[in-house]
PDB file of N, CA and C in Angstrom:
ATOM      1  N   UNK A   1     111.709 146.250 104.584  1.00  0.00           N
ATOM      2  CA  UNK A   1     112.096 144.865 104.760  1.00  0.00           C
ATOM      3  C   UNK A   1     111.537 144.351 106.085  1.00  0.00           C
ATOM      4  N   UNK A   2     110.971 143.108 106.099  1.00  0.00           N
ATOM      5  CA  UNK A   2     110.379 142.602 107.343  1.00  0.00           C
ATOM      6  C   UNK A   2     111.441 142.275 108.384  1.00  0.00           C
ATOM      7  N   UNK A   3     111.010 142.392 109.642  1.00  0.00           N
ATOM      8  CA  UNK A   3     111.897 142.047 110.754  1.00  0.00           C
ATOM      9  C   UNK A   3     111.934 140.526 110.886  1.00  0.00           C
ATOM     10  N   UNK A   4     113.110 139.920 110.793  1.00  0.00           N
ATOM     11  CA  UNK A   4     113.251 138.459 110.861  1.00  0.00           C
ATOM     12  C   UNK A   4     113.939 138.096 112.166  1.00  0.00           C
ATOM     13  N   UNK A   5     113.249 137.297 112.975  1.00  0.00           N
ATOM     14  CA  UNK A   5     113.810 136.822 114.235  1.00  0.00           C
ATOM     15  C   UNK A   5     114.281 135.390 114.039  1.00  0.00           C
ATOM     16  N   UNK A   6     115.535 135.100 114.381  1.00  0.00           N
ATOM     17  CA  UNK A   6     116.016 133.725 114.202  1.00  0.00           C
ATOM     18  C   UNK A   6     115.247 132.739 115.081  1.00  0.00           C
ATOM     19  N   UNK A   7     115.057 131.542 114.576  1.00  0.00           N
ATOM     20  CA  UNK A   7     114.374 130.491 115.337  1.00  0.00           C
ATOM     21  C   UNK A   7     115.293 129.983 116.439  1.00  0.00           C
ATOM     22  N   UNK A   8     114.723 129.559 117.570  1.00  0.00           N
ATOM     23  CA  UNK A   8     115.554 129.001 118.638  1.00  0.00           C
ATOM     24  C   UNK A   8     116.284 127.747 118.163  1.00  0.00           C
ATOM     25  N   UNK A   9     117.445 127.480 118.740  1.00  0.00           N
ATOM     26  CA  UNK A   9     118.270 126.339 118.324  1.00  0.00           C
ATOM     27  C   UNK A   9     117.518 125.022 118.464  1.00  0.00           C
ATOM     28  N   UNK A  10     116.713 124.870 119.517  1.00  0.00           N
ATOM     29  CA  UNK A  10     115.999 123.605 119.720  1.00  0.00           C
ATOM     30  C   UNK A  10     115.006 123.340 118.594  1.00  0.00           C
ATOM     31  N   UNK A  11     114.375 124.389 118.079  1.00  0.00           N
ATOM     32  CA  UNK A  11     113.438 124.233 116.973  1.00  0.00           C
ATOM     33  C   UNK A  11     114.186 123.827 115.709  1.00  0.00           C
ATOM     34  N   UNK A  12     115.323 124.460 115.453  1.00  0.00           N
ATOM     35  CA  UNK A  12     116.124 124.102 114.276  1.00  0.00           C
ATOM     36  C   UNK A  12     116.597 122.653 114.353  1.00  0.00           C
ATOM     37  N   UNK A  13     117.032 122.223 115.542  1.00  0.00           N
ATOM     38  CA  UNK A  13     117.480 120.834 115.700  1.00  0.00           C
ATOM     39  C   UNK A  13     116.333 119.864 115.458  1.00  0.00           C
ATOM     40  N   UNK A  14     115.138 120.220 115.917  1.00  0.00           N
ATOM     41  CA  UNK A  14     113.985 119.339 115.729  1.00  0.00           C
ATOM     42  C   UNK A  14     113.615 119.221 114.257  1.00  0.00           C
ATOM     43  N   UNK A  15     113.750 120.303 113.511  1.00  0.00           N
ATOM     44  CA  UNK A  15     113.365 120.300 112.104  1.00  0.00           C
ATOM     45  C   UNK A  15     114.429 119.654 111.233  1.00  0.00           C
ATOM     46  N   UNK A  16     115.697 119.890 111.525  1.00  0.00           N
ATOM     47  CA  UNK A  16     116.774 119.453 110.650  1.00  0.00           C
ATOM     48  C   UNK A  16     117.555 118.253 111.172  1.00  0.00           C
ATOM     49  N   UNK A  17     117.062 117.579 112.207  1.00  0.00           N
ATOM     50  CA  UNK A  17     117.727 116.380 112.693  1.00  0.00           C
ATOM     51  C   UNK A  17     117.552 115.271 111.668  1.00  0.00           C
ATOM     52  N   UNK A  18     118.644 114.627 111.249  1.00  0.00           N
ATOM     53  CA  UNK A  18     118.493 113.561 110.257  1.00  0.00           C
ATOM     54  C   UNK A  18     117.681 112.395 110.806  1.00  0.00           C
ATOM     55  N   UNK A  19     116.954 111.737 109.930  1.00  0.00           N
ATOM     56  CA  UNK A  19     116.159 110.582 110.336  1.00  0.00           C
ATOM     57  C   UNK A  19     117.092 109.441 110.721  1.00  0.00           C
ATOM     58  N   UNK A  20     116.698 108.686 111.725  1.00  0.00           N
ATOM     59  CA  UNK A  20     117.518 107.565 112.171  1.00  0.00           C
ATOM     60  C   UNK A  20     116.833 106.243 111.855  1.00  0.00           C
ATOM     61  N   UNK A  21     115.998 106.239 110.840  1.00  0.00           N
ATOM     62  CA  UNK A  21     115.321 105.006 110.435  1.00  0.00           C
ATOM     63  C   UNK A  21     116.005 104.470 109.188  1.00  0.00           C
ATOM     64  N   UNK A  22     116.187 103.171 109.152  1.00  0.00           N
ATOM     65  CA  UNK A  22     116.883 102.541 108.039  1.00  0.00           C
ATOM     66  C   UNK A  22     115.979 101.501 107.399  1.00  0.00           C
ATOM     67  N   UNK A  23     116.051 101.368 106.098  1.00  0.00           N
ATOM     68  CA  UNK A  23     115.270 100.384 105.365  1.00  0.00           C
ATOM     69  C   UNK A  23     116.220  99.406 104.694  1.00  0.00           C
ATOM     70  N   UNK A  24     115.925  98.126 104.826  1.00  0.00           N
ATOM     71  CA  UNK A  24     116.751  97.076 104.245  1.00  0.00           C
ATOM     72  C   UNK A  24     115.869  96.162 103.401  1.00  0.00           C
ATOM     73  N   UNK A  25     116.380  95.718 102.289  1.00  0.00           N
ATOM     74  CA  UNK A  25     115.666  94.741 101.472  1.00  0.00           C
ATOM     75  C   UNK A  25     115.767  93.367 102.119  1.00  0.00           C
ATOM     76  N   UNK A  26     114.717  92.567 101.992  1.00  0.00           N
ATOM     77  CA  UNK A  26     114.698  91.194 102.513  1.00  0.00           C
ATOM     78  C   UNK A  26     114.616  90.262 101.314  1.00  0.00           C
ATOM     79  N   UNK A  27     115.515  89.285 101.267  1.00  0.00           N
ATOM     80  CA  UNK A  27     115.602  88.383 100.123  1.00  0.00           C
ATOM     81  C   UNK A  27     115.367  86.940 100.538  1.00  0.00           C
ATOM     82  N   UNK A  28     114.861  86.167  99.614  1.00  0.00           N
ATOM     83  CA  UNK A  28     114.767  84.720  99.742  1.00  0.00           C
ATOM     84  C   UNK A  28     115.956  84.140  98.978  1.00  0.00           C
ATOM     85  N   UNK A  29     116.614  83.151  99.575  1.00  0.00           N
ATOM     86  CA  UNK A  29     117.775  82.520  98.937  1.00  0.00           C
ATOM     87  C   UNK A  29     117.442  81.060  98.680  1.00  0.00           C
ATOM     88  N   UNK A  30     117.614  80.633  97.438  1.00  0.00           N
ATOM     89  CA  UNK A  30     117.394  79.231  97.073  1.00  0.00           C
ATOM     90  C   UNK A  30     118.626  78.718  96.348  1.00  0.00           C
ATOM     91  N   UNK A  31     118.886  77.437  96.496  1.00  0.00           N
ATOM     92  CA  UNK A  31     120.021  76.828  95.815  1.00  0.00           C
ATOM     93  C   UNK A  31     121.199  76.646  96.750  1.00  0.00           C
ATOM     94  N   UNK A  32     122.373  76.441  96.148  1.00  0.00           N
ATOM     95  CA  UNK A  32     123.589  76.272  96.927  1.00  0.00           C
ATOM     96  C   UNK A  32     124.598  77.332  96.507  1.00  0.00           C
ATOM     97  N   UNK A  33     125.816  77.217  96.988  1.00  0.00           N
ATOM     98  CA  UNK A  33     126.803  78.263  96.709  1.00  0.00           C
ATOM     99  C   UNK A  33     127.220  78.322  95.254  1.00  0.00           C
ATOM    100  N   UNK A  34     126.957  77.277  94.486  1.00  0.00           N
ATOM    101  CA  UNK A  34     127.317  77.275  93.067  1.00  0.00           C
ATOM    102  C   UNK A  34     126.213  77.849  92.181  1.00  0.00           C
ATOM    103  N   UNK A  35     124.969  77.654  92.568  1.00  0.00           N
ATOM    104  CA  UNK A  35     123.835  78.156  91.779  1.00  0.00           C
ATOM    105  C   UNK A  35     122.797  78.730  92.738  1.00  0.00           C
ATOM    106  N   UNK A  36     123.000  79.983  93.123  1.00  0.00           N
ATOM    107  CA  UNK A  36     122.144  80.630  94.104  1.00  0.00           C
ATOM    108  C   UNK A  36     121.166  81.575  93.406  1.00  0.00           C
ATOM    109  N   UNK A  37     119.915  81.570  93.867  1.00  0.00           N
ATOM    110  CA  UNK A  37     118.902  82.478  93.342  1.00  0.00           C
ATOM    111  C   UNK A  37     118.415  83.368  94.475  1.00  0.00           C
ATOM    112  N   UNK A  38     118.498  84.684  94.275  1.00  0.00           N
ATOM    113  CA  UNK A  38     117.997  85.648  95.249  1.00  0.00           C
ATOM    114  C   UNK A  38     116.715  86.259  94.712  1.00  0.00           C
ATOM    115  N   UNK A  39     115.696  86.333  95.566  1.00  0.00           N
ATOM    116  CA  UNK A  39     114.429  86.947  95.202  1.00  0.00           C
ATOM    117  C   UNK A  39     114.052  87.937  96.289  1.00  0.00           C
ATOM    118  N   UNK A  40     113.800  89.187  95.912  1.00  0.00           N
ATOM    119  CA  UNK A  40     113.372  90.176  96.898  1.00  0.00           C
ATOM    120  C   UNK A  40     111.943  89.852  97.307  1.00  0.00           C
ATOM    121  N   UNK A  41     111.741  89.672  98.625  1.00  0.00           N
ATOM    122  CA  UNK A  41     110.413  89.316  99.118  1.00  0.00           C
ATOM    123  C   UNK A  41     109.795  90.398  99.992  1.00  0.00           C
ATOM    124  N   UNK A  42     110.549  91.442 100.306  1.00  0.00           N
ATOM    125  CA  UNK A  42     109.996  92.510 101.133  1.00  0.00           C
ATOM    126  C   UNK A  42     111.064  93.451 101.636  1.00  0.00           C
ATOM    127  N   UNK A  43     110.702  94.225 102.676  1.00  0.00           N
ATOM    128  CA  UNK A  43     111.630  95.171 103.290  1.00  0.00           C
ATOM    129  C   UNK A  43     111.522  95.077 104.807  1.00  0.00           C
ATOM    130  N   UNK A  44     112.585  95.485 105.471  1.00  0.00           N
ATOM    131  CA  UNK A  44     112.615  95.584 106.930  1.00  0.00           C
ATOM    132  C   UNK A  44     112.991  97.013 107.277  1.00  0.00           C
ATOM    133  N   UNK A  45     112.260  97.614 108.206  1.00  0.00           N
ATOM    134  CA  UNK A  45     112.577  98.958 108.674  1.00  0.00           C
ATOM    135  C   UNK A  45     113.064  98.862 110.104  1.00  0.00           C
ATOM    136  N   UNK A  46     114.197  99.496 110.373  1.00  0.00           N
ATOM    137  CA  UNK A  46     114.775  99.495 111.720  1.00  0.00           C
ATOM    138  C   UNK A  46     114.982 100.933 112.164  1.00  0.00           C
ATOM    139  N   UNK A  47     114.700 101.200 113.441  1.00  0.00           N
ATOM    140  CA  UNK A  47     114.947 102.545 113.959  1.00  0.00           C
ATOM    141  C   UNK A  47     116.149 102.517 114.895  1.00  0.00           C
ATOM    142  N   UNK A  48     116.505 103.666 115.456  1.00  0.00           N
ATOM    143  CA  UNK A  48     117.713 103.762 116.278  1.00  0.00           C
ATOM    144  C   UNK A  48     117.594 102.993 117.590  1.00  0.00           C
ATOM    145  N   UNK A  49     116.380 102.663 118.027  1.00  0.00           N
ATOM    146  CA  UNK A  49     116.197 101.873 119.248  1.00  0.00           C
ATOM    147  C   UNK A  49     116.342 100.378 118.993  1.00  0.00           C
ATOM    148  N   UNK A  50     116.458  99.979 117.738  1.00  0.00           N
ATOM    149  CA  UNK A  50     116.607  98.568 117.408  1.00  0.00           C
ATOM    150  C   UNK A  50     115.301  97.867 117.090  1.00  0.00           C
ATOM    151  N   UNK A  51     114.190  98.596 117.078  1.00  0.00           N
ATOM    152  CA  UNK A  51     112.904  97.995 116.714  1.00  0.00           C
ATOM    153  C   UNK A  51     112.891  97.708 115.218  1.00  0.00           C
ATOM    154  N   UNK A  52     112.414  96.526 114.839  1.00  0.00           N
ATOM    155  CA  UNK A  52     112.382  96.123 113.432  1.00  0.00           C
ATOM    156  C   UNK A  52     110.950  95.784 113.042  1.00  0.00           C
ATOM    157  N   UNK A  53     110.509  96.323 111.904  1.00  0.00           N
ATOM    158  CA  UNK A  53     109.214  95.968 111.329  1.00  0.00           C
ATOM    159  C   UNK A  53     109.477  95.298 109.991  1.00  0.00           C
ATOM    160  N   UNK A  54     108.852  94.143 109.797  1.00  0.00           N
ATOM    161  CA  UNK A  54     108.994  93.427 108.530  1.00  0.00           C
ATOM    162  C   UNK A  54     107.757  93.637 107.675  1.00  0.00           C
ATOM    163  N   UNK A  55     107.983  93.897 106.407  1.00  0.00           N
ATOM    164  CA  UNK A  55     106.913  94.010 105.425  1.00  0.00           C
ATOM    165  C   UNK A  55     107.251  93.021 104.317  1.00  0.00           C
ATOM    166  N   UNK A  56     106.659  91.825 104.405  1.00  0.00           N
ATOM    167  CA  UNK A  56     107.000  90.740 103.482  1.00  0.00           C
ATOM    168  C   UNK A  56     105.778  90.401 102.637  1.00  0.00           C
ATOM    169  N   UNK A  57     106.019  90.184 101.356  1.00  0.00           N
ATOM    170  CA  UNK A  57     104.972  89.783 100.426  1.00  0.00           C
ATOM    171  C   UNK A  57     104.371  88.462 100.919  1.00  0.00           C
ATOM    172  N   UNK A  58     103.059  88.398 101.189  1.00  0.00           N
ATOM    173  CA  UNK A  58     102.450  87.173 101.714  1.00  0.00           C
ATOM    174  C   UNK A  58     102.595  85.977 100.775  1.00  0.00           C
ATOM    175  N   UNK A  59     102.715  86.215  99.485  1.00  0.00           N
ATOM    176  CA  UNK A  59     102.897  85.104  98.550  1.00  0.00           C
ATOM    177  C   UNK A  59     104.264  84.446  98.711  1.00  0.00           C
ATOM    178  N   UNK A  60     105.206  85.164  99.311  1.00  0.00           N
ATOM    179  CA  UNK A  60     106.569  84.643  99.475  1.00  0.00           C
ATOM    180  C   UNK A  60     106.847  84.176 100.896  1.00  0.00           C
ATOM    181  N   UNK A  61     105.911  84.373 101.812  1.00  0.00           N
ATOM    182  CA  UNK A  61     106.135  84.056 103.221  1.00  0.00           C
ATOM    183  C   UNK A  61     105.872  82.581 103.489  1.00  0.00           C
ATOM    184  N   UNK A  62     106.775  81.748 103.019  1.00  0.00           N
ATOM    185  CA  UNK A  62     106.585  80.304 103.173  1.00  0.00           C
ATOM    186  C   UNK A  62     107.623  79.665 104.080  1.00  0.00           C
ATOM    187  N   UNK A  63     108.533  80.439 104.633  1.00  0.00           N
ATOM    188  CA  UNK A  63     109.580  79.863 105.476  1.00  0.00           C
ATOM    189  C   UNK A  63     109.935  80.797 106.612  1.00  0.00           C
ATOM    190  N   UNK A  64     111.057  80.522 107.244  1.00  0.00           N
ATOM    191  CA  UNK A  64     111.538  81.335 108.350  1.00  0.00           C
ATOM    192  C   UNK A  64     112.326  82.516 107.805  1.00  0.00           C
ATOM    193  N   UNK A  65     112.332  83.598 108.582  1.00  0.00           N
ATOM    194  CA  UNK A  65     113.100  84.785 108.214  1.00  0.00           C
ATOM    195  C   UNK A  65     114.252  84.915 109.199  1.00  0.00           C
ATOM    196  N   UNK A  66     115.448  85.025 108.673  1.00  0.00           N
ATOM    197  CA  UNK A  66     116.641  85.197 109.490  1.00  0.00           C
ATOM    198  C   UNK A  66     117.236  86.558 109.158  1.00  0.00           C
ATOM    199  N   UNK A  67     117.356  87.405 110.166  1.00  0.00           N
ATOM    200  CA  UNK A  67     117.965  88.722 109.983  1.00  0.00           C
ATOM    201  C   UNK A  67     119.291  88.738 110.716  1.00  0.00           C
ATOM    202  N   UNK A  68     120.288  89.330 110.099  1.00  0.00           N
ATOM    203  CA  UNK A  68     121.556  89.499 110.783  1.00  0.00           C
ATOM    204  C   UNK A  68     122.113  90.867 110.453  1.00  0.00           C
ATOM    205  N   UNK A  69     122.954  91.346 111.331  1.00  0.00           N
ATOM    206  CA  UNK A  69     123.546  92.668 111.150  1.00  0.00           C
ATOM    207  C   UNK A  69     125.034  92.498 110.914  1.00  0.00           C
ATOM    208  N   UNK A  70     125.506  93.093 109.851  1.00  0.00           N
ATOM    209  CA  UNK A  70     126.925  93.038 109.529  1.00  0.00           C
ATOM    210  C   UNK A  70     127.568  94.323 110.022  1.00  0.00           C
ATOM    211  N   UNK A  71     128.527  94.213 110.923  1.00  0.00           N
ATOM    212  CA  UNK A  71     129.221  95.401 111.457  1.00  0.00           C
ATOM    213  C   UNK A  71     130.439  95.715 110.638  1.00  0.00           C
TER     214      UNK A  71
END
């Protein structure tokens, strides 16, 4: 049987640390509160430092984008 040496704790933490990046869908909202239409227009990726990257379909990028965080 081969000799197995355990990996150092720092290496295990580096390999098995959960990712801290989050992906959120970005939607376009049209209409009013009685007849609302939601259309997915892209995604936003956020990391643990708060940096946000938007990936929006150029065919849908006709207005302003408002992002908010719900706690």
